[in-house]
């Protein structure tokens, strides 16, 4: 590997650490702390502000991960070969990355805004589907964390082949 490749790997690892570390922080520190807050409405506003700021950084990190990952791809495969000749671990990683992007877009652009609107309503005003959406939202957030961790695990297998 060249110096350029090593710098790309470092950027890729640092960016993925930021992404997954941030998700771990939100899930394991921020959410439990805010759930114990004495003023739930204020805690919810604080969490939304924190998540919005983090989301901007995450999408920037994702763009950087895609660029560095694309540039590093040729270290693992001959790009002129058919996908069926690519290492299975690489195909799994790319599939998980696409799934993570899809889940993140749905969470950030569709579910998140709807949940924020629903949380302004009284519980007795909510219909069944709205209550279901409120219940699913945190699960989808956790799913992005699990996908991020799975991508890291598959990456370990990929570099150890």
C-alpha atoms as a PDB file:
ATOM      1  CA  UNK A   1       0.000   0.000   0.000  1.00  0.00           C
ATOM      2  CA  UNK A   2       1.156   3.511  -0.792  1.00  0.00           C
ATOM      3  CA  UNK A   3       1.279   6.437   1.595  1.00  0.00           C
ATOM      4  CA  UNK A   4      -1.869   7.759  -0.116  1.00  0.00           C
ATOM      5  CA  UNK A   5      -3.661   4.433   0.504  1.00  0.00           C
ATOM      6  CA  UNK A   6      -2.628   4.492   4.166  1.00  0.00           C
ATOM      7  CA  UNK A   7      -3.934   8.037   4.568  1.00  0.00           C
ATOM      8  CA  UNK A   8      -7.213   7.001   2.900  1.00  0.00           C
ATOM      9  CA  UNK A   9      -7.536   4.039   5.281  1.00  0.00           C
ATOM     10  CA  UNK A  10      -6.857   6.333   8.235  1.00  0.00           C
ATOM     11  CA  UNK A  11      -9.516   8.814   7.059  1.00  0.00           C
ATOM     12  CA  UNK A  12     -11.949   5.936   6.453  1.00  0.00           C
ATOM     13  CA  UNK A  13     -11.349   4.470   9.923  1.00  0.00           C
ATOM     14  CA  UNK A  14     -11.487   7.837  11.675  1.00  0.00           C
ATOM     15  CA  UNK A  15     -14.729   8.737   9.928  1.00  0.00           C
ATOM     16  CA  UNK A  16     -16.332   5.373  10.690  1.00  0.00           C
ATOM     17  CA  UNK A  17     -15.222   5.734  14.322  1.00  0.00           C
ATOM     18  CA  UNK A  18     -16.944   9.117  14.437  1.00  0.00           C
ATOM     19  CA  UNK A  19     -20.109   7.663  12.911  1.00  0.00           C
ATOM     20  CA  UNK A  20     -20.406   4.597  15.131  1.00  0.00           C
ATOM     21  CA  UNK A  21     -19.042   6.361  18.206  1.00  0.00           C
ATOM     22  CA  UNK A  22     -21.617   9.097  17.797  1.00  0.00           C
ATOM     23  CA  UNK A  23     -24.431   6.561  17.480  1.00  0.00           C
ATOM     24  CA  UNK A  24     -23.182   4.758  20.589  1.00  0.00           C
ATOM     25  CA  UNK A  25     -23.033   8.057  22.462  1.00  0.00           C
ATOM     26  CA  UNK A  26     -26.589   8.985  21.471  1.00  0.00           C
ATOM     27  CA  UNK A  27     -27.967   5.525  22.276  1.00  0.00           C
ATOM     28  CA  UNK A  28     -26.047   4.729  25.446  1.00  0.00           C
ATOM     29  CA  UNK A  29     -25.468   8.160  26.996  1.00  0.00           C
ATOM     30  CA  UNK A  30     -27.726  10.906  25.641  1.00  0.00           C
ATOM     31  CA  UNK A  31     -31.040   9.035  25.438  1.00  0.00           C
ATOM     32  CA  UNK A  32     -30.843   7.430  28.913  1.00  0.00           C
ATOM     33  CA  UNK A  33     -29.720  10.728  30.436  1.00  0.00           C
ATOM     34  CA  UNK A  34     -32.510  12.700  28.800  1.00  0.00           C
ATOM     35  CA  UNK A  35     -35.114  10.093  29.809  1.00  0.00           C
ATOM     36  CA  UNK A  36     -34.246  10.830  33.441  1.00  0.00           C
ATOM     37  CA  UNK A  37     -34.599  14.598  33.022  1.00  0.00           C
ATOM     38  CA  UNK A  38     -36.967  16.414  35.347  1.00  0.00           C
ATOM     39  CA  UNK A  39     -38.438  18.406  32.452  1.00  0.00           C
ATOM     40  CA  UNK A  40     -39.299  15.946  29.640  1.00  0.00           C
ATOM     41  CA  UNK A  41     -40.314  18.671  27.157  1.00  0.00           C
ATOM     42  CA  UNK A  42     -37.019  20.498  27.592  1.00  0.00           C
ATOM     43  CA  UNK A  43     -35.095  17.224  27.403  1.00  0.00           C
ATOM     44  CA  UNK A  44     -36.880  16.342  24.169  1.00  0.00           C
ATOM     45  CA  UNK A  45     -35.963  19.730  22.662  1.00  0.00           C
ATOM     46  CA  UNK A  46     -32.352  19.256  23.772  1.00  0.00           C
ATOM     47  CA  UNK A  47     -32.232  15.807  22.202  1.00  0.00           C
ATOM     48  CA  UNK A  48     -33.733  17.044  18.940  1.00  0.00           C
ATOM     49  CA  UNK A  49     -31.146  19.848  18.780  1.00  0.00           C
ATOM     50  CA  UNK A  50     -28.348  17.405  19.565  1.00  0.00           C
ATOM     51  CA  UNK A  51     -29.582  14.919  16.973  1.00  0.00           C
ATOM     52  CA  UNK A  52     -29.981  17.626  14.304  1.00  0.00           C
ATOM     53  CA  UNK A  53     -26.428  18.831  14.812  1.00  0.00           C
ATOM     54  CA  UNK A  54     -25.102  15.278  14.806  1.00  0.00           C
ATOM     55  CA  UNK A  55     -27.140  14.407  11.707  1.00  0.00           C
ATOM     56  CA  UNK A  56     -25.423  17.145   9.676  1.00  0.00           C
ATOM     57  CA  UNK A  57     -22.029  15.787  10.680  1.00  0.00           C
ATOM     58  CA  UNK A  58     -23.112  12.199  10.027  1.00  0.00           C
ATOM     59  CA  UNK A  59     -24.174  12.905   6.453  1.00  0.00           C
ATOM     60  CA  UNK A  60     -20.835  14.640   5.861  1.00  0.00           C
ATOM     61  CA  UNK A  61     -19.087  11.626   7.339  1.00  0.00           C
ATOM     62  CA  UNK A  62     -21.114   9.321   5.129  1.00  0.00           C
ATOM     63  CA  UNK A  63     -20.046  11.253   2.041  1.00  0.00           C
ATOM     64  CA  UNK A  64     -16.415  10.987   3.143  1.00  0.00           C
ATOM     65  CA  UNK A  65     -16.821   7.253   3.814  1.00  0.00           C
ATOM     66  CA  UNK A  66     -18.260   6.712   0.343  1.00  0.00           C
ATOM     67  CA  UNK A  67     -15.403   8.645  -1.288  1.00  0.00           C
ATOM     68  CA  UNK A  68     -12.636   6.927   0.676  1.00  0.00           C
ATOM     69  CA  UNK A  69     -14.305   3.520   0.398  1.00  0.00           C
ATOM     70  CA  UNK A  70     -14.645   3.899  -3.361  1.00  0.00           C
ATOM     71  CA  UNK A  71     -10.997   4.914  -3.692  1.00  0.00           C
ATOM     72  CA  UNK A  72      -9.911   1.956  -1.543  1.00  0.00           C
ATOM     73  CA  UNK A  73     -12.115  -0.557  -3.370  1.00  0.00           C
ATOM     74  CA  UNK A  74      -9.441  -1.336  -5.947  1.00  0.00           C
ATOM     75  CA  UNK A  75      -7.201  -2.612  -3.121  1.00  0.00           C
ATOM     76  CA  UNK A  76      -9.645  -5.501  -2.653  1.00  0.00           C
ATOM     77  CA  UNK A  77     -10.925  -6.264  -6.147  1.00  0.00           C
ATOM     78  CA  UNK A  78     -10.182  -5.880  -9.799  1.00  0.00           C
ATOM     79  CA  UNK A  79     -12.934  -3.457 -10.751  1.00  0.00           C
ATOM     80  CA  UNK A  80     -13.128  -4.933 -14.238  1.00  0.00           C
ATOM     81  CA  UNK A  81     -14.170  -8.313 -12.818  1.00  0.00           C
ATOM     82  CA  UNK A  82     -17.752  -9.431 -12.413  1.00  0.00           C
ATOM     83  CA  UNK A  83     -19.340  -8.896  -8.980  1.00  0.00           C
ATOM     84  CA  UNK A  84     -19.589 -12.667  -8.545  1.00  0.00           C
ATOM     85  CA  UNK A  85     -15.768 -12.750  -8.376  1.00  0.00           C
ATOM     86  CA  UNK A  86     -15.611 -10.174  -5.604  1.00  0.00           C
ATOM     87  CA  UNK A  87     -14.955 -11.415  -2.035  1.00  0.00           C
ATOM     88  CA  UNK A  88     -18.205 -12.294  -0.240  1.00  0.00           C
ATOM     89  CA  UNK A  89     -17.216 -10.121   2.730  1.00  0.00           C
ATOM     90  CA  UNK A  90     -16.947  -7.102   0.441  1.00  0.00           C
ATOM     91  CA  UNK A  91     -20.348  -7.771  -1.089  1.00  0.00           C
ATOM     92  CA  UNK A  92     -21.869  -8.141   2.390  1.00  0.00           C
ATOM     93  CA  UNK A  93     -20.220  -4.894   3.507  1.00  0.00           C
ATOM     94  CA  UNK A  94     -21.487  -2.989   0.471  1.00  0.00           C
ATOM     95  CA  UNK A  95     -24.989  -4.417   0.976  1.00  0.00           C
ATOM     96  CA  UNK A  96     -24.973  -3.376   4.637  1.00  0.00           C
ATOM     97  CA  UNK A  97     -23.744   0.108   3.696  1.00  0.00           C
ATOM     98  CA  UNK A  98     -26.586   0.509   1.186  1.00  0.00           C
ATOM     99  CA  UNK A  99     -29.076  -0.744   3.768  1.00  0.00           C
ATOM    100  CA  UNK A 100     -27.661   1.667   6.361  1.00  0.00           C
ATOM    101  CA  UNK A 101     -28.019   4.576   3.937  1.00  0.00           C
ATOM    102  CA  UNK A 102     -31.594   3.575   3.131  1.00  0.00           C
ATOM    103  CA  UNK A 103     -32.585   3.171   6.792  1.00  0.00           C
ATOM    104  CA  UNK A 104     -30.884   6.470   7.696  1.00  0.00           C
ATOM    105  CA  UNK A 105     -32.670   8.379   4.929  1.00  0.00           C
ATOM    106  CA  UNK A 106     -36.032   6.925   5.948  1.00  0.00           C
ATOM    107  CA  UNK A 107     -35.332   7.691   9.609  1.00  0.00           C
ATOM    108  CA  UNK A 108     -34.039  11.242   9.066  1.00  0.00           C
ATOM    109  CA  UNK A 109     -36.260  12.413   6.236  1.00  0.00           C
ATOM    110  CA  UNK A 110     -39.557  10.594   6.766  1.00  0.00           C
ATOM    111  CA  UNK A 111     -40.008   9.110  10.215  1.00  0.00           C
ATOM    112  CA  UNK A 112     -38.145  11.726  12.252  1.00  0.00           C
ATOM    113  CA  UNK A 113     -40.171  14.738  11.079  1.00  0.00           C
ATOM    114  CA  UNK A 114     -43.449  12.835  11.514  1.00  0.00           C
ATOM    115  CA  UNK A 115     -42.494  11.715  15.013  1.00  0.00           C
ATOM    116  CA  UNK A 116     -41.591  15.289  15.992  1.00  0.00           C
ATOM    117  CA  UNK A 117     -45.060  16.434  14.861  1.00  0.00           C
ATOM    118  CA  UNK A 118     -46.763  13.536  16.656  1.00  0.00           C
ATOM    119  CA  UNK A 119     -44.977  14.274  19.931  1.00  0.00           C
ATOM    120  CA  UNK A 120     -46.702  17.662  20.001  1.00  0.00           C
ATOM    121  CA  UNK A 121     -50.079  15.901  20.207  1.00  0.00           C
ATOM    122  CA  UNK A 122     -51.663  14.516  23.334  1.00  0.00           C
ATOM    123  CA  UNK A 123     -51.503  10.731  23.604  1.00  0.00           C
ATOM    124  CA  UNK A 124     -55.299  10.490  23.598  1.00  0.00           C
ATOM    125  CA  UNK A 125     -55.375  12.286  20.206  1.00  0.00           C
ATOM    126  CA  UNK A 126     -53.144   9.714  18.513  1.00  0.00           C
ATOM    127  CA  UNK A 127     -54.560   7.013  16.262  1.00  0.00           C
ATOM    128  CA  UNK A 128     -53.177   3.476  16.310  1.00  0.00           C
ATOM    129  CA  UNK A 129     -50.813   3.974  13.354  1.00  0.00           C
ATOM    130  CA  UNK A 130     -49.392   7.130  14.920  1.00  0.00           C
ATOM    131  CA  UNK A 131     -48.720   5.281  18.173  1.00  0.00           C
ATOM    132  CA  UNK A 132     -47.071   2.512  16.168  1.00  0.00           C
ATOM    133  CA  UNK A 133     -44.828   5.035  14.403  1.00  0.00           C
ATOM    134  CA  UNK A 134     -43.803   6.491  17.758  1.00  0.00           C
ATOM    135  CA  UNK A 135     -42.882   2.990  18.923  1.00  0.00           C
ATOM    136  CA  UNK A 136     -40.971   2.102  15.759  1.00  0.00           C
ATOM    137  CA  UNK A 137     -38.885   5.274  15.625  1.00  0.00           C
ATOM    138  CA  UNK A 138     -36.421   4.360  18.407  1.00  0.00           C
ATOM    139  CA  UNK A 139     -36.112   0.846  16.981  1.00  0.00           C
ATOM    140  CA  UNK A 140     -35.055   2.254  13.620  1.00  0.00           C
ATOM    141  CA  UNK A 141     -32.485   4.429  15.381  1.00  0.00           C
ATOM    142  CA  UNK A 142     -31.097   1.312  17.060  1.00  0.00           C
ATOM    143  CA  UNK A 143     -31.145  -0.515  13.732  1.00  0.00           C
ATOM    144  CA  UNK A 144     -28.780   2.080  12.257  1.00  0.00           C
ATOM    145  CA  UNK A 145     -26.418   1.474  15.169  1.00  0.00           C
ATOM    146  CA  UNK A 146     -26.570  -2.304  14.668  1.00  0.00           C
ATOM    147  CA  UNK A 147     -25.953  -1.901  10.932  1.00  0.00           C
ATOM    148  CA  UNK A 148     -22.962   0.342  11.638  1.00  0.00           C
ATOM    149  CA  UNK A 149     -21.519  -2.227  14.047  1.00  0.00           C
ATOM    150  CA  UNK A 150     -22.174  -5.031  11.546  1.00  0.00           C
ATOM    151  CA  UNK A 151     -20.331  -3.068   8.845  1.00  0.00           C
ATOM    152  CA  UNK A 152     -17.336  -2.733  11.153  1.00  0.00           C
ATOM    153  CA  UNK A 153     -17.397  -6.466  11.877  1.00  0.00           C
ATOM    154  CA  UNK A 154     -17.546  -7.369   8.196  1.00  0.00           C
ATOM    155  CA  UNK A 155     -14.713  -4.891   7.532  1.00  0.00           C
ATOM    156  CA  UNK A 156     -12.541  -6.846   9.961  1.00  0.00           C
ATOM    157  CA  UNK A 157     -13.227 -10.044   8.020  1.00  0.00           C
ATOM    158  CA  UNK A 158     -12.545  -8.221   4.766  1.00  0.00           C
ATOM    159  CA  UNK A 159      -9.076  -7.015   5.771  1.00  0.00           C
ATOM    160  CA  UNK A 160      -8.171 -10.347   7.381  1.00  0.00           C
ATOM    161  CA  UNK A 161      -8.805 -12.367   4.192  1.00  0.00           C
END
